[in-house]
Amino acid sequence: MPDSAASSRALPLDTAAAERMWEEYRAARPEAVAGAPEHTIEHFGDSARLADELLDIVLSGRKRATAELVADFVARGDGLPRVGSHWIACDSTGAPRIVIRSTELRIGPFTSADAAFAADEGEDDGTLESWQREHRVYWNRVSAARGAVWSESDEIVFERFAVVWPPEHAD
């Protein structure tokens, strides 16, 4: 994950457009929404550049996993995702692009990431070594931004997902 200065919290979110996308998805896939009606509206990463870069590799089909510190969910006042939950991924302008559904979740320390998870994240060269290097940089940066110090023993949410909407991007 490349270095950046701006927090994604400062990035815009077009919540009205995201809610329209959610309603389209809900109308087309009511069975998927029935068991997990909640959704969030978010960006990947902590900067405009990273939001777009990571979204692009999701759209390419290369990225089907992500990882986030439990402490970051807590700092935002968000609950942890659950299997079946949805989120709408926006680009750096706030435009909703896709609906993502969590298919697998686990919590563990940094050292519990394996080569398969790193490959599923699809970032950099896809190796565990680059995943570790880039995530150390990223989690040190985002932790410092909220006034904390990151440790490899901190809990991380490891999430695998499917792109479920719109149809042209769905898995």
C-alpha atoms as a PDB file:
ATOM      1  CA  MET A   1       0.000   0.000   0.000  1.00  0.00           C
ATOM      2  CA  PRO A   2       1.625   3.239  -1.103  1.00  0.00           C
ATOM      3  CA  ASP A   3       2.398   6.017   1.331  1.00  0.00           C
ATOM      4  CA  SER A   4      -0.092   8.878   1.435  1.00  0.00           C
ATOM      5  CA  ALA A   5      -0.866  11.917   3.504  1.00  0.00           C
ATOM      6  CA  ALA A   6      -4.621  12.426   3.385  1.00  0.00           C
ATOM      7  CA  SER A   7      -7.038  10.337   5.406  1.00  0.00           C
ATOM      8  CA  SER A   8      -9.879   8.675   3.551  1.00  0.00           C
ATOM      9  CA  ARG A   9     -12.212  10.086   6.192  1.00  0.00           C
ATOM     10  CA  ALA A  10     -11.772  13.394   4.397  1.00  0.00           C
ATOM     11  CA  LEU A  11     -12.803  11.858   1.080  1.00  0.00           C
ATOM     12  CA  PRO A  12     -16.358  12.542  -0.052  1.00  0.00           C
ATOM     13  CA  LEU A  13     -19.081   9.896  -0.087  1.00  0.00           C
ATOM     14  CA  ASP A  14     -22.082  10.286  -2.369  1.00  0.00           C
ATOM     15  CA  THR A  15     -24.455   8.593   0.061  1.00  0.00           C
ATOM     16  CA  ALA A  16     -27.545   9.382  -2.032  1.00  0.00           C
ATOM     17  CA  ALA A  17     -26.055   7.625  -5.077  1.00  0.00           C
ATOM     18  CA  ALA A  18     -24.821   4.770  -2.871  1.00  0.00           C
ATOM     19  CA  GLU A  19     -28.311   4.303  -1.436  1.00  0.00           C
ATOM     20  CA  ARG A  20     -29.736   4.225  -4.972  1.00  0.00           C
ATOM     21  CA  MET A  21     -27.206   1.515  -5.868  1.00  0.00           C
ATOM     22  CA  TRP A  22     -28.177  -0.390  -2.715  1.00  0.00           C
ATOM     23  CA  GLU A  23     -31.879  -0.195  -3.624  1.00  0.00           C
ATOM     24  CA  GLU A  24     -31.150  -1.523  -7.128  1.00  0.00           C
ATOM     25  CA  TYR A  25     -29.170  -4.416  -5.638  1.00  0.00           C
ATOM     26  CA  ARG A  26     -31.830  -5.076  -2.993  1.00  0.00           C
ATOM     27  CA  ALA A  27     -34.574  -5.188  -5.630  1.00  0.00           C
ATOM     28  CA  ALA A  28     -32.565  -7.542  -7.840  1.00  0.00           C
ATOM     29  CA  ARG A  29     -31.244  -9.813  -5.063  1.00  0.00           C
ATOM     30  CA  PRO A  30     -33.770  -9.732  -2.179  1.00  0.00           C
ATOM     31  CA  GLU A  31     -32.664 -13.159  -0.917  1.00  0.00           C
ATOM     32  CA  ALA A  32     -29.077 -11.931  -0.422  1.00  0.00           C
ATOM     33  CA  VAL A  33     -30.228  -8.867   1.487  1.00  0.00           C
ATOM     34  CA  ALA A  34     -32.824 -10.666   3.630  1.00  0.00           C
ATOM     35  CA  GLY A  35     -30.215 -12.337   5.833  1.00  0.00           C
ATOM     36  CA  ALA A  36     -27.892  -9.331   5.997  1.00  0.00           C
ATOM     37  CA  PRO A  37     -29.841  -6.111   5.431  1.00  0.00           C
ATOM     38  CA  GLU A  38     -27.157  -3.810   6.824  1.00  0.00           C
ATOM     39  CA  HIS A  39     -24.556  -2.139   4.639  1.00  0.00           C
ATOM     40  CA  THR A  40     -21.824   0.445   4.926  1.00  0.00           C
ATOM     41  CA  ILE A  41     -20.522   2.994   2.434  1.00  0.00           C
ATOM     42  CA  GLU A  42     -16.738   3.186   2.329  1.00  0.00           C
ATOM     43  CA  HIS A  43     -13.487   3.665   0.440  1.00  0.00           C
ATOM     44  CA  PHE A  44     -10.511   1.366   0.375  1.00  0.00           C
ATOM     45  CA  GLY A  45      -7.344   2.723   1.988  1.00  0.00           C
ATOM     46  CA  ASP A  46      -6.572   6.050   3.593  1.00  0.00           C
ATOM     47  CA  SER A  47      -6.090   8.369   0.597  1.00  0.00           C
ATOM     48  CA  ALA A  48      -7.664   9.238  -2.738  1.00  0.00           C
ATOM     49  CA  ARG A  49      -4.852   7.541  -4.626  1.00  0.00           C
ATOM     50  CA  LEU A  50      -5.101   4.354  -2.572  1.00  0.00           C
ATOM     51  CA  ALA A  51      -8.915   4.313  -2.751  1.00  0.00           C
ATOM     52  CA  ASP A  52      -8.753   4.332  -6.552  1.00  0.00           C
ATOM     53  CA  GLU A  53      -5.779   1.989  -6.837  1.00  0.00           C
ATOM     54  CA  LEU A  54      -7.352  -0.692  -4.646  1.00  0.00           C
ATOM     55  CA  LEU A  55     -10.771  -0.306  -6.239  1.00  0.00           C
ATOM     56  CA  ASP A  56      -9.165  -0.757  -9.660  1.00  0.00           C
ATOM     57  CA  ILE A  57      -7.622  -4.087  -8.672  1.00  0.00           C
ATOM     58  CA  VAL A  58     -10.979  -5.219  -7.273  1.00  0.00           C
ATOM     59  CA  LEU A  59     -12.640  -4.272 -10.569  1.00  0.00           C
ATOM     60  CA  SER A  60      -9.928  -6.179 -12.462  1.00  0.00           C
ATOM     61  CA  GLY A  61     -10.827  -9.314 -10.473  1.00  0.00           C
ATOM     62  CA  ARG A  62      -7.387  -9.607  -8.879  1.00  0.00           C
ATOM     63  CA  LYS A  63      -8.377  -8.447  -5.370  1.00  0.00           C
ATOM     64  CA  ARG A  64     -10.918 -10.492  -3.394  1.00  0.00           C
ATOM     65  CA  ALA A  65      -9.647  -9.935   0.142  1.00  0.00           C
ATOM     66  CA  THR A  66      -8.851  -7.063   2.461  1.00  0.00           C
ATOM     67  CA  ALA A  67      -7.542  -6.591   5.984  1.00  0.00           C
ATOM     68  CA  GLU A  68      -8.258  -3.882   8.532  1.00  0.00           C
ATOM     69  CA  LEU A  69      -7.278  -3.307  12.127  1.00  0.00           C
ATOM     70  CA  VAL A  70      -9.986  -3.998  14.689  1.00  0.00           C
ATOM     71  CA  ALA A  71      -8.859  -0.763  16.361  1.00  0.00           C
ATOM     72  CA  ASP A  72      -9.788   1.192  13.220  1.00  0.00           C
ATOM     73  CA  PHE A  73     -13.355  -0.146  13.319  1.00  0.00           C
ATOM     74  CA  VAL A  74     -13.543   0.794  17.008  1.00  0.00           C
ATOM     75  CA  ALA A  75     -12.091   4.279  16.414  1.00  0.00           C
ATOM     76  CA  ARG A  76     -14.778   4.985  13.791  1.00  0.00           C
ATOM     77  CA  GLY A  77     -17.524   3.612  16.022  1.00  0.00           C
ATOM     78  CA  ASP A  78     -18.251   0.808  13.545  1.00  0.00           C
ATOM     79  CA  GLY A  79     -19.074  -2.766  14.408  1.00  0.00           C
ATOM     80  CA  LEU A  80     -17.050  -5.542  12.859  1.00  0.00           C
ATOM     81  CA  PRO A  81     -18.408  -7.002   9.643  1.00  0.00           C
ATOM     82  CA  ARG A  82     -20.015 -10.429   9.597  1.00  0.00           C
ATOM     83  CA  VAL A  83     -20.230 -13.084   6.939  1.00  0.00           C
ATOM     84  CA  GLY A  84     -22.942 -12.017   4.521  1.00  0.00           C
ATOM     85  CA  SER A  85     -22.702  -8.309   5.330  1.00  0.00           C
ATOM     86  CA  HIS A  86     -22.409  -5.811   2.493  1.00  0.00           C
ATOM     87  CA  TRP A  87     -20.479  -2.664   1.804  1.00  0.00           C
ATOM     88  CA  ILE A  88     -20.578  -0.226  -1.045  1.00  0.00           C
ATOM     89  CA  ALA A  89     -17.104   0.668  -2.276  1.00  0.00           C
ATOM     90  CA  CYS A  90     -16.713   4.197  -3.583  1.00  0.00           C
ATOM     91  CA  ASP A  91     -13.963   5.746  -5.655  1.00  0.00           C
ATOM     92  CA  SER A  92     -11.979   8.774  -4.511  1.00  0.00           C
ATOM     93  CA  THR A  93     -14.694  11.163  -5.725  1.00  0.00           C
ATOM     94  CA  GLY A  94     -17.263   9.409  -3.542  1.00  0.00           C
ATOM     95  CA  ALA A  95     -19.067   7.762  -6.454  1.00  0.00           C
ATOM     96  CA  PRO A  96     -20.341   4.293  -5.543  1.00  0.00           C
ATOM     97  CA  ARG A  97     -18.874   1.701  -7.874  1.00  0.00           C
ATOM     98  CA  ILE A  98     -19.652  -1.765  -6.495  1.00  0.00           C
ATOM     99  CA  VAL A  99     -21.421  -3.663  -3.756  1.00  0.00           C
ATOM    100  CA  ILE A 100     -19.203  -6.144  -1.939  1.00  0.00           C
ATOM    101  CA  ARG A 101     -20.406  -9.038   0.239  1.00  0.00           C
ATOM    102  CA  SER A 102     -18.252 -10.580   2.962  1.00  0.00           C
ATOM    103  CA  THR A 103     -17.793 -14.307   2.369  1.00  0.00           C
ATOM    104  CA  GLU A 104     -15.172 -15.172   4.968  1.00  0.00           C
ATOM    105  CA  LEU A 105     -13.955 -13.375   8.076  1.00  0.00           C
ATOM    106  CA  ARG A 106     -11.472 -14.124  10.778  1.00  0.00           C
ATOM    107  CA  ILE A 107      -9.606 -12.144  13.397  1.00  0.00           C
ATOM    108  CA  GLY A 108      -5.946 -12.713  14.100  1.00  0.00           C
ATOM    109  CA  PRO A 109      -2.561 -11.057  14.541  1.00  0.00           C
ATOM    110  CA  PHE A 110      -0.327  -9.874  11.726  1.00  0.00           C
ATOM    111  CA  THR A 111       1.669 -13.111  11.775  1.00  0.00           C
ATOM    112  CA  SER A 112      -1.440 -15.171  10.997  1.00  0.00           C
ATOM    113  CA  ALA A 113      -1.626 -13.882   7.407  1.00  0.00           C
ATOM    114  CA  ASP A 114      -0.492 -16.525   4.956  1.00  0.00           C
ATOM    115  CA  ALA A 115       0.582 -16.608   1.317  1.00  0.00           C
ATOM    116  CA  ALA A 116      -2.931 -17.521   0.132  1.00  0.00           C
ATOM    117  CA  PHE A 117      -4.440 -14.472   1.849  1.00  0.00           C
ATOM    118  CA  ALA A 118      -1.721 -12.180   0.455  1.00  0.00           C
ATOM    119  CA  ALA A 119      -2.417 -13.518  -3.038  1.00  0.00           C
ATOM    120  CA  ASP A 120      -6.176 -12.992  -2.581  1.00  0.00           C
ATOM    121  CA  GLU A 121      -5.548  -9.365  -1.581  1.00  0.00           C
ATOM    122  CA  GLY A 122      -3.916  -8.993  -4.992  1.00  0.00           C
ATOM    123  CA  GLU A 123      -1.746  -6.037  -4.061  1.00  0.00           C
ATOM    124  CA  ASP A 124       1.828  -5.298  -5.103  1.00  0.00           C
ATOM    125  CA  ASP A 125       3.390  -8.545  -6.377  1.00  0.00           C
ATOM    126  CA  GLY A 126       0.946 -10.767  -4.457  1.00  0.00           C
ATOM    127  CA  THR A 127       3.552 -12.378  -2.228  1.00  0.00           C
ATOM    128  CA  LEU A 128       3.356 -12.697   1.537  1.00  0.00           C
ATOM    129  CA  GLU A 129       6.632 -10.776   1.831  1.00  0.00           C
ATOM    130  CA  SER A 130       5.294  -7.730  -0.028  1.00  0.00           C
ATOM    131  CA  TRP A 131       1.983  -7.997   1.857  1.00  0.00           C
ATOM    132  CA  GLN A 132       3.861  -7.869   5.173  1.00  0.00           C
ATOM    133  CA  ARG A 133       6.152  -5.015   4.087  1.00  0.00           C
ATOM    134  CA  GLU A 134       3.362  -2.818   2.707  1.00  0.00           C
ATOM    135  CA  HIS A 135       0.884  -3.508   5.515  1.00  0.00           C
ATOM    136  CA  ARG A 136       3.491  -2.685   8.163  1.00  0.00           C
ATOM    137  CA  VAL A 137       3.906   0.722   6.530  1.00  0.00           C
ATOM    138  CA  TYR A 138       0.141   1.197   6.128  1.00  0.00           C
ATOM    139  CA  TRP A 139      -0.851   0.156   9.661  1.00  0.00           C
ATOM    140  CA  ASN A 140       1.896   2.231  11.247  1.00  0.00           C
ATOM    141  CA  ARG A 141       0.598   5.220   9.264  1.00  0.00           C
ATOM    142  CA  VAL A 142      -3.119   4.776  10.010  1.00  0.00           C
ATOM    143  CA  SER A 143      -2.457   4.011  13.667  1.00  0.00           C
ATOM    144  CA  ALA A 144      -0.301   7.131  14.022  1.00  0.00           C
ATOM    145  CA  ALA A 145      -3.075   9.177  12.342  1.00  0.00           C
ATOM    146  CA  ARG A 146      -5.430   8.238  15.190  1.00  0.00           C
ATOM    147  CA  GLY A 147      -2.733   8.778  17.850  1.00  0.00           C
ATOM    148  CA  ALA A 148      -1.877   5.126  18.429  1.00  0.00           C
ATOM    149  CA  VAL A 149       1.132   2.886  17.944  1.00  0.00           C
ATOM    150  CA  TRP A 150       0.619  -0.230  15.858  1.00  0.00           C
ATOM    151  CA  SER A 151       1.916  -3.605  16.989  1.00  0.00           C
ATOM    152  CA  GLU A 152       2.071  -6.883  15.077  1.00  0.00           C
ATOM    153  CA  SER A 153       0.050  -8.406  17.926  1.00  0.00           C
ATOM    154  CA  ASP A 154      -2.905  -6.045  17.306  1.00  0.00           C
ATOM    155  CA  GLU A 155      -6.070  -7.767  16.119  1.00  0.00           C
ATOM    156  CA  ILE A 156      -6.757  -7.629  12.387  1.00  0.00           C
ATOM    157  CA  VAL A 157      -9.975  -8.473  10.550  1.00  0.00           C
ATOM    158  CA  PHE A 158      -9.057 -10.652   7.572  1.00  0.00           C
ATOM    159  CA  GLU A 159     -11.923 -10.540   5.084  1.00  0.00           C
ATOM    160  CA  ARG A 160     -12.558 -12.330   1.833  1.00  0.00           C
ATOM    161  CA  PHE A 161     -15.379 -10.986  -0.311  1.00  0.00           C
ATOM    162  CA  ALA A 162     -17.308 -11.257  -3.538  1.00  0.00           C
ATOM    163  CA  VAL A 163     -18.369  -8.411  -5.785  1.00  0.00           C
ATOM    164  CA  VAL A 164     -22.155  -8.784  -6.072  1.00  0.00           C
ATOM    165  CA  TRP A 165     -23.329  -5.624  -7.870  1.00  0.00           C
ATOM    166  CA  PRO A 166     -23.638  -4.210 -10.490  1.00  0.00           C
ATOM    167  CA  PRO A 167     -24.024  -7.237 -12.750  1.00  0.00           C
ATOM    168  CA  GLU A 168     -21.202  -6.203 -15.094  1.00  0.00           C
ATOM    169  CA  HIS A 169     -18.732  -6.384 -12.203  1.00  0.00           C
ATOM    170  CA  ALA A 170     -20.278  -9.214 -10.177  1.00  0.00           C
ATOM    171  CA  ASP A 171     -18.319 -12.418  -9.637  1.00  0.00           C
END
